[in-house]
Structures are given as structure tokens and as C-alpha cells.
Amino acid sequence: MRMGALFGAVGVGCLIGPPLVDQFTSLQRPATVQVAAVAALGLSTMACALISLNLLGNPLWLLCCFTVLRSFGVAVLWIQASLLLQELSAPEYLGRVLSMDYGLALLGEAANAIVTGRLRDAAHWSPEQVCAWLATLGFFFTAAWTVYTCRGGGAMSLSPAAKKASEPRQTDEDEPTENWRRKGGYR
């Protein structure tokens, strides 16, 4: 029952997070996508930190609420970060970039499972201590990405005018421009 409820809470968070955040983001304004990804990472980090506090003895209903928050953040982070990669990568490199993204994500997930399992088994950490460690790690990633975002890195450096200027255009003779050919024509 307990594991089923927690897995159900993961599904609920993944189901409501991305559609809700999509109302506030737009690929026409990539900066909104980047800010949403950073905020989602912060939300999932906060949820791990709340689990680690062992509030009220962490009853199942509270763990499910925190799990919904955590999976809400993780799902939004995954989707928004993938959208940024798709939007900012040159078409000729997109396959390699996304395969590297997926490969590193799976490697990170596997490494996380191994490390947290070792912390539980060999170091005899409680689930709350493991969550505190994950929250600390998440805090550093959130802080680093927040600094990067505030300094204008990634999508933050793209103004709508610069985005429009990089789009393929047709000449007066209806001949495709070099930029149009390089980007792969119509999509």
C-alpha cells in the first residue's frame, strides 16, 4: 500500500506539473522556459528537504504530498530543459545533443540509485538522511543554474529580436537563402 501510494503520487506530480507550467512558458520566449526549469529544480530540491525534516513523523499522506511536489518539479525540469536543448541546438547537432542528454540522464539516475543505496546499506543512513543529502546536492545545482541564469547565460541571452533574426528567410526571387538551407529547409 505504502509504495503504491508513493508511486501514485509520482504519477500525479508528473501529470499536473508540465501542463500547468506550459501556461506560463513559450518557446517564442526561451527565457521563460529556462526560468521555469530553474524554478522546477528548486521545487524538487525543496520537496526533498521537506522529506528530510521528518515533519510529524512523515506520515504517508505528508510523504505523498511532498512526493507530488518533487515529481512535479522533476517532470517540469526534464521537459523544459529538453525543450531548451531542442530550441538552442543547431539542427545538424540535435541528434547527438539529445542522445548525450538522455545518456547522461540515465547515467545520473543509475549513479543516484547506486550511491543512495550504498548510503542506506553500508553507511546505515535513514531515508531522511538520504533525502537531506539529495536536497544539499540539489541546492548546489539550483544555485549554480540560478547564477548562470541571472548572468544571462543560455536562453537568457536570446532576445526576441535576435531570435527573429536567426530564423530562415526567403529572398525576393523566392530562392532559399543559405541560412534556410543550413537549417534544413521547412520543418
N, C-alpha and C. Protein backbone atom coordinates (compact mmCIF):
# COMPACT_ATOMS: atom_id res chain seq x y z
N MET A 1 0.83 -1.20 0.00
CA MET A 1 0.00 0.00 0.00
C MET A 1 0.87 1.26 0.00
N ARG A 2 1.87 1.28 0.88
CA ARG A 2 2.71 2.47 1.01
C ARG A 2 3.45 2.78 -0.29
N MET A 3 4.10 1.78 -0.90
CA MET A 3 4.84 2.01 -2.14
C MET A 3 3.89 2.38 -3.28
N GLY A 4 2.73 1.74 -3.31
CA GLY A 4 1.74 2.06 -4.35
C GLY A 4 1.28 3.51 -4.25
N ALA A 5 1.06 3.98 -3.03
CA ALA A 5 0.64 5.37 -2.83
C ALA A 5 1.74 6.33 -3.26
N LEU A 6 2.99 6.00 -2.93
CA LEU A 6 4.10 6.88 -3.31
C LEU A 6 4.30 6.91 -4.83
N PHE A 7 4.19 5.74 -5.48
CA PHE A 7 4.31 5.72 -6.94
C PHE A 7 3.13 6.45 -7.59
N GLY A 8 1.95 6.34 -6.99
CA GLY A 8 0.80 7.09 -7.49
C GLY A 8 1.02 8.59 -7.35
N ALA A 9 1.64 9.01 -6.25
CA ALA A 9 1.94 10.43 -6.04
C ALA A 9 2.94 10.93 -7.08
N VAL A 10 3.90 10.09 -7.44
CA VAL A 10 4.84 10.46 -8.51
C VAL A 10 4.07 10.71 -9.80
N GLY A 11 3.14 9.82 -10.12
CA GLY A 11 2.34 9.98 -11.33
C GLY A 11 1.51 11.25 -11.32
N VAL A 12 0.93 11.56 -10.18
CA VAL A 12 0.11 12.78 -10.06
C VAL A 12 0.97 14.02 -10.31
N GLY A 13 2.14 14.07 -9.69
CA GLY A 13 3.04 15.22 -9.89
C GLY A 13 3.47 15.36 -11.33
N CYS A 14 3.80 14.24 -11.96
CA CYS A 14 4.22 14.27 -13.37
C CYS A 14 3.06 14.65 -14.28
N LEU A 15 1.85 14.31 -13.89
CA LEU A 15 0.68 14.61 -14.70
C LEU A 15 0.28 16.08 -14.62
N ILE A 16 0.35 16.67 -13.45
CA ILE A 16 -0.13 18.06 -13.33
C ILE A 16 0.96 19.10 -13.57
N GLY A 17 2.22 18.77 -13.32
CA GLY A 17 3.29 19.76 -13.42
C GLY A 17 3.48 20.37 -14.79
N PRO A 18 3.84 19.58 -15.80
CA PRO A 18 4.13 20.16 -17.11
C PRO A 18 2.97 20.92 -17.76
N PRO A 19 1.73 20.39 -17.76
CA PRO A 19 0.66 21.18 -18.38
C PRO A 19 0.40 22.51 -17.66
N LEU A 20 0.56 22.51 -16.34
CA LEU A 20 0.35 23.74 -15.59
C LEU A 20 1.41 24.78 -15.94
N VAL A 21 2.66 24.36 -15.98
CA VAL A 21 3.77 25.28 -16.26
C VAL A 21 3.74 25.74 -17.72
N ASP A 22 3.23 24.90 -18.62
CA ASP A 22 3.15 25.28 -20.04
C ASP A 22 2.31 26.54 -20.25
N GLN A 23 1.41 26.83 -19.33
CA GLN A 23 0.58 28.04 -19.44
C GLN A 23 1.41 29.31 -19.28
N PHE A 24 2.59 29.19 -18.68
CA PHE A 24 3.41 30.37 -18.38
C PHE A 24 4.71 30.43 -19.16
N THR A 25 4.96 29.45 -20.02
CA THR A 25 6.21 29.43 -20.78
C THR A 25 5.90 29.42 -22.27
N SER A 26 6.89 29.82 -23.05
CA SER A 26 6.72 29.85 -24.50
C SER A 26 8.09 29.71 -25.16
N LEU A 27 8.16 28.90 -26.20
CA LEU A 27 9.41 28.78 -26.94
C LEU A 27 9.70 30.06 -27.74
N GLN A 28 8.69 30.91 -27.92
CA GLN A 28 8.92 32.22 -28.55
C GLN A 28 9.72 33.11 -27.60
N ARG A 29 9.65 32.80 -26.32
CA ARG A 29 10.43 33.50 -25.29
C ARG A 29 11.20 32.44 -24.49
N PRO A 30 12.33 31.97 -25.02
CA PRO A 30 13.06 30.87 -24.38
C PRO A 30 13.48 31.16 -22.94
N ALA A 31 13.61 32.42 -22.59
CA ALA A 31 14.00 32.76 -21.22
C ALA A 31 12.95 32.25 -20.22
N THR A 32 11.67 32.25 -20.61
CA THR A 32 10.63 31.75 -19.71
C THR A 32 10.79 30.26 -19.46
N VAL A 33 11.25 29.55 -20.48
CA VAL A 33 11.47 28.10 -20.35
C VAL A 33 12.63 27.84 -19.40
N GLN A 34 13.70 28.62 -19.53
CA GLN A 34 14.85 28.43 -18.65
C GLN A 34 14.51 28.77 -17.21
N VAL A 35 13.80 29.85 -16.99
CA VAL A 35 13.40 30.23 -15.62
C VAL A 35 12.50 29.14 -15.02
N ALA A 36 11.59 28.59 -15.82
CA ALA A 36 10.72 27.52 -15.32
C ALA A 36 11.53 26.29 -14.94
N ALA A 37 12.55 25.97 -15.72
CA ALA A 37 13.39 24.80 -15.42
C ALA A 37 14.16 25.01 -14.11
N VAL A 38 14.70 26.21 -13.92
CA VAL A 38 15.43 26.50 -12.68
C VAL A 38 14.48 26.45 -11.48
N ALA A 39 13.30 27.04 -11.62
CA ALA A 39 12.33 27.02 -10.53
C ALA A 39 11.89 25.59 -10.21
N ALA A 40 11.73 24.77 -11.24
CA ALA A 40 11.33 23.37 -11.03
C ALA A 40 12.41 22.60 -10.29
N LEU A 41 13.67 22.85 -10.62
CA LEU A 41 14.77 22.21 -9.89
C LEU A 41 14.74 22.63 -8.42
N GLY A 42 14.49 23.91 -8.18
CA GLY A 42 14.37 24.40 -6.80
C GLY A 42 13.21 23.77 -6.06
N LEU A 43 12.08 23.58 -6.75
CA LEU A 43 10.91 22.96 -6.13
C LEU A 43 11.18 21.51 -5.74
N SER A 44 11.80 20.76 -6.63
CA SER A 44 12.09 19.36 -6.29
C SER A 44 13.13 19.27 -5.17
N THR A 45 14.07 20.20 -5.15
CA THR A 45 15.06 20.25 -4.07
C THR A 45 14.38 20.56 -2.74
N MET A 46 13.45 21.51 -2.76
CA MET A 46 12.72 21.87 -1.55
C MET A 46 11.90 20.69 -1.04
N ALA A 47 11.28 19.94 -1.95
CA ALA A 47 10.48 18.78 -1.53
C ALA A 47 11.37 17.73 -0.87
N CYS A 48 12.56 17.50 -1.42
CA CYS A 48 13.50 16.55 -0.78
C CYS A 48 13.89 17.05 0.61
N ALA A 49 14.12 18.35 0.72
CA ALA A 49 14.49 18.93 2.02
C ALA A 49 13.35 18.76 3.02
N LEU A 50 12.11 18.96 2.58
CA LEU A 50 10.96 18.81 3.48
C LEU A 50 10.81 17.36 3.95
N ILE A 51 11.06 16.40 3.05
CA ILE A 51 11.00 14.99 3.45
C ILE A 51 12.07 14.71 4.50
N SER A 52 13.25 15.31 4.32
CA SER A 52 14.36 15.05 5.25
C SER A 52 14.09 15.59 6.65
N LEU A 53 13.19 16.55 6.78
CA LEU A 53 12.91 17.14 8.09
C LEU A 53 12.09 16.23 9.00
N ASN A 54 11.49 15.18 8.42
CA ASN A 54 10.70 14.21 9.19
C ASN A 54 9.59 14.91 9.97
N LEU A 55 8.88 15.80 9.27
CA LEU A 55 7.79 16.54 9.90
C LEU A 55 6.67 15.59 10.33
N LEU A 56 6.20 15.73 11.54
CA LEU A 56 5.11 14.92 12.10
C LEU A 56 5.38 13.42 12.00
N GLY A 57 6.65 13.04 11.89
CA GLY A 57 6.98 11.63 11.75
C GLY A 57 6.79 11.11 10.33
N ASN A 58 6.68 12.01 9.37
CA ASN A 58 6.48 11.67 7.95
C ASN A 58 5.35 10.65 7.73
N PRO A 59 4.11 11.02 8.10
CA PRO A 59 3.01 10.10 7.80
C PRO A 59 2.85 9.95 6.28
N LEU A 60 2.18 8.90 5.87
CA LEU A 60 2.06 8.59 4.44
C LEU A 60 1.44 9.74 3.66
N TRP A 61 0.41 10.37 4.19
CA TRP A 61 -0.25 11.44 3.45
C TRP A 61 0.71 12.61 3.21
N LEU A 62 1.57 12.91 4.18
CA LEU A 62 2.52 14.01 4.02
C LEU A 62 3.63 13.64 3.04
N LEU A 63 4.11 12.39 3.12
CA LEU A 63 5.10 11.93 2.15
C LEU A 63 4.54 11.99 0.73
N CYS A 64 3.27 11.63 0.58
CA CYS A 64 2.65 11.69 -0.75
C CYS A 64 2.57 13.14 -1.25
N CYS A 65 2.23 14.07 -0.37
CA CYS A 65 2.18 15.49 -0.77
C CYS A 65 3.56 15.98 -1.21
N PHE A 66 4.59 15.65 -0.44
CA PHE A 66 5.95 16.07 -0.80
C PHE A 66 6.42 15.36 -2.07
N THR A 67 5.98 14.12 -2.26
CA THR A 67 6.35 13.38 -3.47
C THR A 67 5.68 13.99 -4.70
N VAL A 68 4.44 14.45 -4.55
CA VAL A 68 3.79 15.15 -5.67
C VAL A 68 4.59 16.40 -6.03
N LEU A 69 5.01 17.18 -5.02
CA LEU A 69 5.82 18.37 -5.28
C LEU A 69 7.14 18.02 -5.96
N ARG A 70 7.80 16.99 -5.46
CA ARG A 70 9.09 16.59 -6.02
C ARG A 70 8.95 16.14 -7.47
N SER A 71 7.96 15.30 -7.75
CA SER A 71 7.80 14.81 -9.12
C SER A 71 7.25 15.90 -10.05
N PHE A 72 6.47 16.82 -9.52
CA PHE A 72 6.03 18.00 -10.28
C PHE A 72 7.28 18.73 -10.78
N GLY A 73 8.20 19.01 -9.86
CA GLY A 73 9.42 19.73 -10.23
C GLY A 73 10.30 18.96 -11.19
N VAL A 74 10.48 17.67 -10.93
CA VAL A 74 11.35 16.87 -11.79
C VAL A 74 10.79 16.75 -13.20
N ALA A 75 9.47 16.54 -13.32
CA ALA A 75 8.86 16.43 -14.66
C ALA A 75 8.97 17.74 -15.43
N VAL A 76 8.71 18.84 -14.75
CA VAL A 76 8.83 20.15 -15.41
C VAL A 76 10.28 20.40 -15.81
N LEU A 77 11.21 20.09 -14.93
CA LEU A 77 12.63 20.27 -15.23
C LEU A 77 13.02 19.46 -16.46
N TRP A 78 12.64 18.20 -16.51
CA TRP A 78 13.01 17.34 -17.64
C TRP A 78 12.46 17.91 -18.95
N ILE A 79 11.19 18.26 -18.96
CA ILE A 79 10.57 18.73 -20.19
C ILE A 79 11.11 20.10 -20.60
N GLN A 80 11.21 21.04 -19.68
CA GLN A 80 11.68 22.38 -20.03
C GLN A 80 13.14 22.36 -20.48
N ALA A 81 13.98 21.58 -19.79
CA ALA A 81 15.38 21.50 -20.19
C ALA A 81 15.52 20.84 -21.56
N SER A 82 14.71 19.81 -21.83
CA SER A 82 14.75 19.17 -23.15
C SER A 82 14.29 20.14 -24.24
N LEU A 83 13.26 20.93 -23.94
CA LEU A 83 12.81 21.94 -24.91
C LEU A 83 13.90 22.96 -25.20
N LEU A 84 14.62 23.38 -24.16
CA LEU A 84 15.72 24.33 -24.37
C LEU A 84 16.80 23.73 -25.25
N LEU A 85 17.15 22.48 -25.00
CA LEU A 85 18.16 21.83 -25.83
C LEU A 85 17.71 21.76 -27.29
N GLN A 86 16.45 21.41 -27.50
CA GLN A 86 15.93 21.33 -28.86
C GLN A 86 15.91 22.69 -29.54
N GLU A 87 15.58 23.71 -28.78
CA GLU A 87 15.46 25.05 -29.34
C GLU A 87 16.82 25.68 -29.62
N LEU A 88 17.80 25.45 -28.76
CA LEU A 88 19.08 26.14 -28.86
C LEU A 88 20.14 25.37 -29.62
N SER A 89 19.90 24.10 -29.92
CA SER A 89 20.89 23.30 -30.64
C SER A 89 20.72 23.46 -32.15
N ALA A 90 21.83 23.53 -32.85
CA ALA A 90 21.78 23.57 -34.31
C ALA A 90 21.19 22.25 -34.81
N PRO A 91 20.36 22.29 -35.85
CA PRO A 91 19.71 21.07 -36.33
C PRO A 91 20.68 19.94 -36.67
N GLU A 92 21.85 20.30 -37.20
CA GLU A 92 22.79 19.25 -37.59
C GLU A 92 23.42 18.55 -36.38
N TYR A 93 23.30 19.13 -35.19
CA TYR A 93 23.85 18.53 -33.98
C TYR A 93 22.78 18.01 -33.03
N LEU A 94 21.52 18.24 -33.33
CA LEU A 94 20.44 17.96 -32.39
C LEU A 94 20.40 16.50 -31.96
N GLY A 95 20.55 15.58 -32.88
CA GLY A 95 20.52 14.16 -32.53
C GLY A 95 21.61 13.79 -31.54
N ARG A 96 22.80 14.29 -31.79
CA ARG A 96 23.92 13.99 -30.88
C ARG A 96 23.72 14.65 -29.53
N VAL A 97 23.22 15.88 -29.54
CA VAL A 97 23.00 16.59 -28.27
C VAL A 97 21.95 15.86 -27.43
N LEU A 98 20.83 15.49 -28.05
CA LEU A 98 19.77 14.82 -27.30
C LEU A 98 20.19 13.42 -26.85
N SER A 99 20.95 12.70 -27.68
CA SER A 99 21.41 11.38 -27.24
C SER A 99 22.36 11.51 -26.06
N MET A 100 23.20 12.53 -26.07
CA MET A 100 24.09 12.77 -24.94
C MET A 100 23.27 13.14 -23.70
N ASP A 101 22.24 13.96 -23.88
CA ASP A 101 21.37 14.34 -22.76
C ASP A 101 20.71 13.11 -22.15
N TYR A 102 20.11 12.27 -22.98
CA TYR A 102 19.42 11.09 -22.46
C TYR A 102 20.41 10.11 -21.83
N GLY A 103 21.57 9.94 -22.45
CA GLY A 103 22.58 9.04 -21.90
C GLY A 103 23.07 9.51 -20.55
N LEU A 104 23.37 10.80 -20.44
CA LEU A 104 23.84 11.33 -19.15
C LEU A 104 22.74 11.30 -18.09
N ALA A 105 21.49 11.53 -18.52
CA ALA A 105 20.38 11.47 -17.56
C ALA A 105 20.24 10.06 -17.00
N LEU A 106 20.31 9.06 -17.87
CA LEU A 106 20.21 7.68 -17.39
C LEU A 106 21.40 7.30 -16.52
N LEU A 107 22.59 7.76 -16.91
CA LEU A 107 23.78 7.50 -16.10
C LEU A 107 23.63 8.15 -14.72
N GLY A 108 23.13 9.39 -14.70
CA GLY A 108 22.91 10.07 -13.43
C GLY A 108 21.88 9.36 -12.57
N GLU A 109 20.82 8.87 -13.20
CA GLU A 109 19.79 8.14 -12.45
C GLU A 109 20.36 6.85 -11.86
N ALA A 110 21.15 6.13 -12.66
CA ALA A 110 21.77 4.89 -12.18
C ALA A 110 22.77 5.18 -11.06
N ALA A 111 23.59 6.20 -11.24
CA ALA A 111 24.57 6.56 -10.22
C ALA A 111 23.87 6.97 -8.93
N ASN A 112 22.78 7.70 -9.06
CA ASN A 112 22.00 8.12 -7.89
C ASN A 112 21.47 6.90 -7.14
N ALA A 113 20.95 5.92 -7.87
CA ALA A 113 20.43 4.71 -7.23
C ALA A 113 21.53 3.95 -6.51
N ILE A 114 22.70 3.87 -7.14
CA ILE A 114 23.82 3.15 -6.51
C ILE A 114 24.29 3.88 -5.25
N VAL A 115 24.50 5.19 -5.37
CA VAL A 115 25.02 5.96 -4.23
C VAL A 115 24.02 5.98 -3.08
N THR A 116 22.76 6.25 -3.38
CA THR A 116 21.77 6.29 -2.29
C THR A 116 21.57 4.91 -1.68
N GLY A 117 21.65 3.86 -2.50
CA GLY A 117 21.56 2.50 -1.96
C GLY A 117 22.72 2.18 -1.04
N ARG A 118 23.92 2.61 -1.43
CA ARG A 118 25.10 2.39 -0.58
C ARG A 118 25.00 3.20 0.73
N LEU A 119 24.47 4.41 0.62
CA LEU A 119 24.30 5.21 1.84
C LEU A 119 23.34 4.53 2.80
N ARG A 120 22.29 3.92 2.26
CA ARG A 120 21.32 3.22 3.11
C ARG A 120 21.91 1.94 3.69
N ASP A 121 22.57 1.15 2.83
CA ASP A 121 23.02 -0.18 3.26
C ASP A 121 24.35 -0.14 4.02
N ALA A 122 25.35 0.49 3.45
CA ALA A 122 26.69 0.45 4.05
C ALA A 122 26.87 1.50 5.14
N ALA A 123 26.35 2.71 4.89
CA ALA A 123 26.53 3.78 5.88
C ALA A 123 25.39 3.83 6.89
N HIS A 124 24.33 3.03 6.66
CA HIS A 124 23.18 2.94 7.56
C HIS A 124 22.47 4.28 7.74
N TRP A 125 22.39 5.06 6.65
CA TRP A 125 21.65 6.31 6.70
C TRP A 125 20.16 6.02 6.65
N SER A 126 19.39 6.87 7.31
CA SER A 126 17.94 6.76 7.25
C SER A 126 17.46 7.37 5.93
N PRO A 127 16.22 7.06 5.53
CA PRO A 127 15.70 7.70 4.31
C PRO A 127 15.73 9.24 4.41
N GLU A 128 15.51 9.76 5.60
CA GLU A 128 15.54 11.21 5.78
C GLU A 128 16.94 11.77 5.57
N GLN A 129 17.95 11.04 6.03
CA GLN A 129 19.34 11.49 5.81
C GLN A 129 19.70 11.45 4.33
N VAL A 130 19.24 10.43 3.64
CA VAL A 130 19.49 10.34 2.19
C VAL A 130 18.81 11.51 1.49
N CYS A 131 17.58 11.83 1.88
CA CYS A 131 16.87 12.97 1.28
C CYS A 131 17.58 14.28 1.58
N ALA A 132 18.14 14.40 2.78
CA ALA A 132 18.90 15.62 3.12
C ALA A 132 20.13 15.74 2.22
N TRP A 133 20.80 14.63 1.96
CA TRP A 133 21.97 14.64 1.07
C TRP A 133 21.55 15.03 -0.35
N LEU A 134 20.43 14.46 -0.83
CA LEU A 134 19.93 14.81 -2.17
C LEU A 134 19.51 16.28 -2.23
N ALA A 135 18.90 16.78 -1.16
CA ALA A 135 18.50 18.18 -1.12
C ALA A 135 19.72 19.10 -1.15
N THR A 136 20.77 18.71 -0.45
CA THR A 136 22.01 19.51 -0.46
C THR A 136 22.61 19.54 -1.85
N LEU A 137 22.67 18.39 -2.49
CA LEU A 137 23.17 18.31 -3.86
C LEU A 137 22.30 19.15 -4.80
N GLY A 138 20.98 19.02 -4.65
CA GLY A 138 20.05 19.80 -5.46
C GLY A 138 20.20 21.29 -5.23
N PHE A 139 20.46 21.68 -3.98
CA PHE A 139 20.66 23.10 -3.68
C PHE A 139 21.84 23.66 -4.46
N PHE A 140 22.95 22.92 -4.50
CA PHE A 140 24.13 23.41 -5.22
C PHE A 140 23.86 23.52 -6.72
N PHE A 141 23.15 22.55 -7.29
CA PHE A 141 22.81 22.63 -8.71
C PHE A 141 21.85 23.79 -8.98
N THR A 142 20.87 23.98 -8.09
CA THR A 142 19.93 25.09 -8.25
C THR A 142 20.65 26.43 -8.14
N ALA A 143 21.54 26.55 -7.17
CA ALA A 143 22.29 27.80 -7.00
C ALA A 143 23.16 28.08 -8.22
N ALA A 144 23.85 27.06 -8.71
CA ALA A 144 24.72 27.26 -9.88
C ALA A 144 23.91 27.66 -11.11
N TRP A 145 22.77 27.00 -11.34
CA TRP A 145 21.97 27.33 -12.51
C TRP A 145 21.29 28.68 -12.35
N THR A 146 20.95 29.06 -11.12
CA THR A 146 20.38 30.38 -10.88
C THR A 146 21.40 31.47 -11.19
N VAL A 147 22.63 31.29 -10.74
CA VAL A 147 23.69 32.27 -11.03
C VAL A 147 23.90 32.36 -12.54
N TYR A 148 23.98 31.22 -13.21
CA TYR A 148 24.15 31.18 -14.67
C TYR A 148 23.01 31.92 -15.36
N THR A 149 21.78 31.70 -14.90
CA THR A 149 20.61 32.35 -15.48
C THR A 149 20.64 33.86 -15.22
N CYS A 150 20.96 34.26 -13.99
CA CYS A 150 20.99 35.69 -13.65
C CYS A 150 22.09 36.44 -14.39
N ARG A 151 23.14 35.74 -14.76
CA ARG A 151 24.23 36.37 -15.53
C ARG A 151 23.95 36.38 -17.03
N GLY A 152 22.77 35.93 -17.43
CA GLY A 152 22.39 36.00 -18.83
C GLY A 152 22.82 34.81 -19.66
N GLY A 153 23.13 33.69 -19.04
CA GLY A 153 23.57 32.51 -19.78
C GLY A 153 22.41 31.75 -20.40
N GLY A 154 22.73 30.94 -21.39
CA GLY A 154 21.73 30.09 -22.04
C GLY A 154 20.68 30.90 -22.76
N ALA A 155 19.43 30.55 -22.53
CA ALA A 155 18.32 31.20 -23.22
C ALA A 155 18.12 32.64 -22.79
N MET A 156 18.68 33.03 -21.65
CA MET A 156 18.50 34.39 -21.17
C MET A 156 19.15 35.41 -22.11
N SER A 157 20.15 34.97 -22.87
CA SER A 157 20.85 35.89 -23.77
C SER A 157 20.10 36.09 -25.08
N LEU A 158 19.03 35.35 -25.29
CA LEU A 158 18.28 35.47 -26.53
C LEU A 158 17.15 36.47 -26.36
N SER A 159 17.24 37.55 -27.09
CA SER A 159 16.13 38.50 -27.10
C SER A 159 15.18 38.08 -28.22
N PRO A 160 13.91 38.47 -28.17
CA PRO A 160 13.00 38.13 -29.26
C PRO A 160 13.51 38.63 -30.62
N ALA A 161 14.17 39.79 -30.65
CA ALA A 161 14.69 40.32 -31.92
C ALA A 161 15.82 39.43 -32.46
N ALA A 162 16.71 38.98 -31.58
CA ALA A 162 17.80 38.10 -32.02
C ALA A 162 17.24 36.77 -32.49
N LYS A 163 16.20 36.29 -31.82
CA LYS A 163 15.57 35.03 -32.22
C LYS A 163 14.97 35.16 -33.60
N LYS A 164 14.29 36.29 -33.85
CA LYS A 164 13.66 36.51 -35.14
C LYS A 164 14.70 36.63 -36.24
N ALA A 165 15.82 37.28 -35.95
CA ALA A 165 16.87 37.47 -36.95
C ALA A 165 17.52 36.15 -37.34
N SER A 166 17.49 35.16 -36.45
CA SER A 166 18.13 33.88 -36.76
C SER A 166 17.22 32.94 -37.54
N GLU A 167 15.94 33.30 -37.69
CA GLU A 167 15.02 32.43 -38.42
C GLU A 167 15.31 32.50 -39.91
N PRO A 168 15.08 31.40 -40.65
CA PRO A 168 15.31 31.40 -42.09
C PRO A 168 14.36 32.35 -42.80
N ARG A 169 14.88 33.03 -43.84
CA ARG A 169 14.06 33.96 -44.62
C ARG A 169 14.17 33.64 -46.09
N GLN A 170 13.20 34.04 -46.86
CA GLN A 170 13.21 33.88 -48.31
C GLN A 170 13.66 35.19 -48.95
N THR A 171 14.34 35.09 -50.10
CA THR A 171 14.73 36.29 -50.84
C THR A 171 13.57 36.71 -51.73
N ASP A 172 13.75 37.85 -52.42
CA ASP A 172 12.70 38.36 -53.30
C ASP A 172 12.42 37.40 -54.45
N GLU A 173 13.43 36.67 -54.90
CA GLU A 173 13.25 35.75 -56.02
C GLU A 173 12.65 34.42 -55.58
N ASP A 174 12.24 34.31 -54.33
CA ASP A 174 11.71 33.07 -53.78
C ASP A 174 12.74 31.95 -53.75
N GLU A 175 14.01 32.30 -53.78
CA GLU A 175 15.09 31.33 -53.67
C GLU A 175 15.44 31.17 -52.19
N PRO A 176 15.62 29.96 -51.75
CA PRO A 176 16.01 29.78 -50.35
C PRO A 176 17.37 30.43 -50.06
N THR A 177 17.47 31.06 -48.92
CA THR A 177 18.75 31.66 -48.52
C THR A 177 19.67 30.58 -47.98
N GLU A 178 20.94 30.93 -47.81
CA GLU A 178 21.91 29.97 -47.27
C GLU A 178 21.53 29.54 -45.85
N ASN A 179 21.02 30.50 -45.07
CA ASN A 179 20.58 30.20 -43.71
C ASN A 179 19.45 29.16 -43.73
N TRP A 180 18.54 29.32 -44.68
CA TRP A 180 17.42 28.40 -44.81
C TRP A 180 17.93 27.00 -45.14
N ARG A 181 18.87 26.89 -46.08
CA ARG A 181 19.43 25.59 -46.46
C ARG A 181 20.17 24.96 -45.28
N ARG A 182 20.95 25.77 -44.56
CA ARG A 182 21.74 25.26 -43.45
C ARG A 182 20.84 24.70 -42.34
N LYS A 183 19.71 25.32 -42.11
CA LYS A 183 18.81 24.86 -41.05
C LYS A 183 17.92 23.70 -41.50
N GLY A 184 18.05 23.27 -42.74
CA GLY A 184 17.30 22.09 -43.17
C GLY A 184 15.98 22.39 -43.82
N GLY A 185 15.77 23.60 -44.30
CA GLY A 185 14.53 23.91 -45.01
C GLY A 185 13.34 24.01 -44.07
N TYR A 186 12.16 23.79 -44.64
CA TYR A 186 10.94 23.88 -43.84
C TYR A 186 10.87 22.72 -42.87
N ARG A 187 10.31 23.01 -41.69
CA ARG A 187 10.13 21.95 -40.69
C ARG A 187 8.66 21.74 -40.47
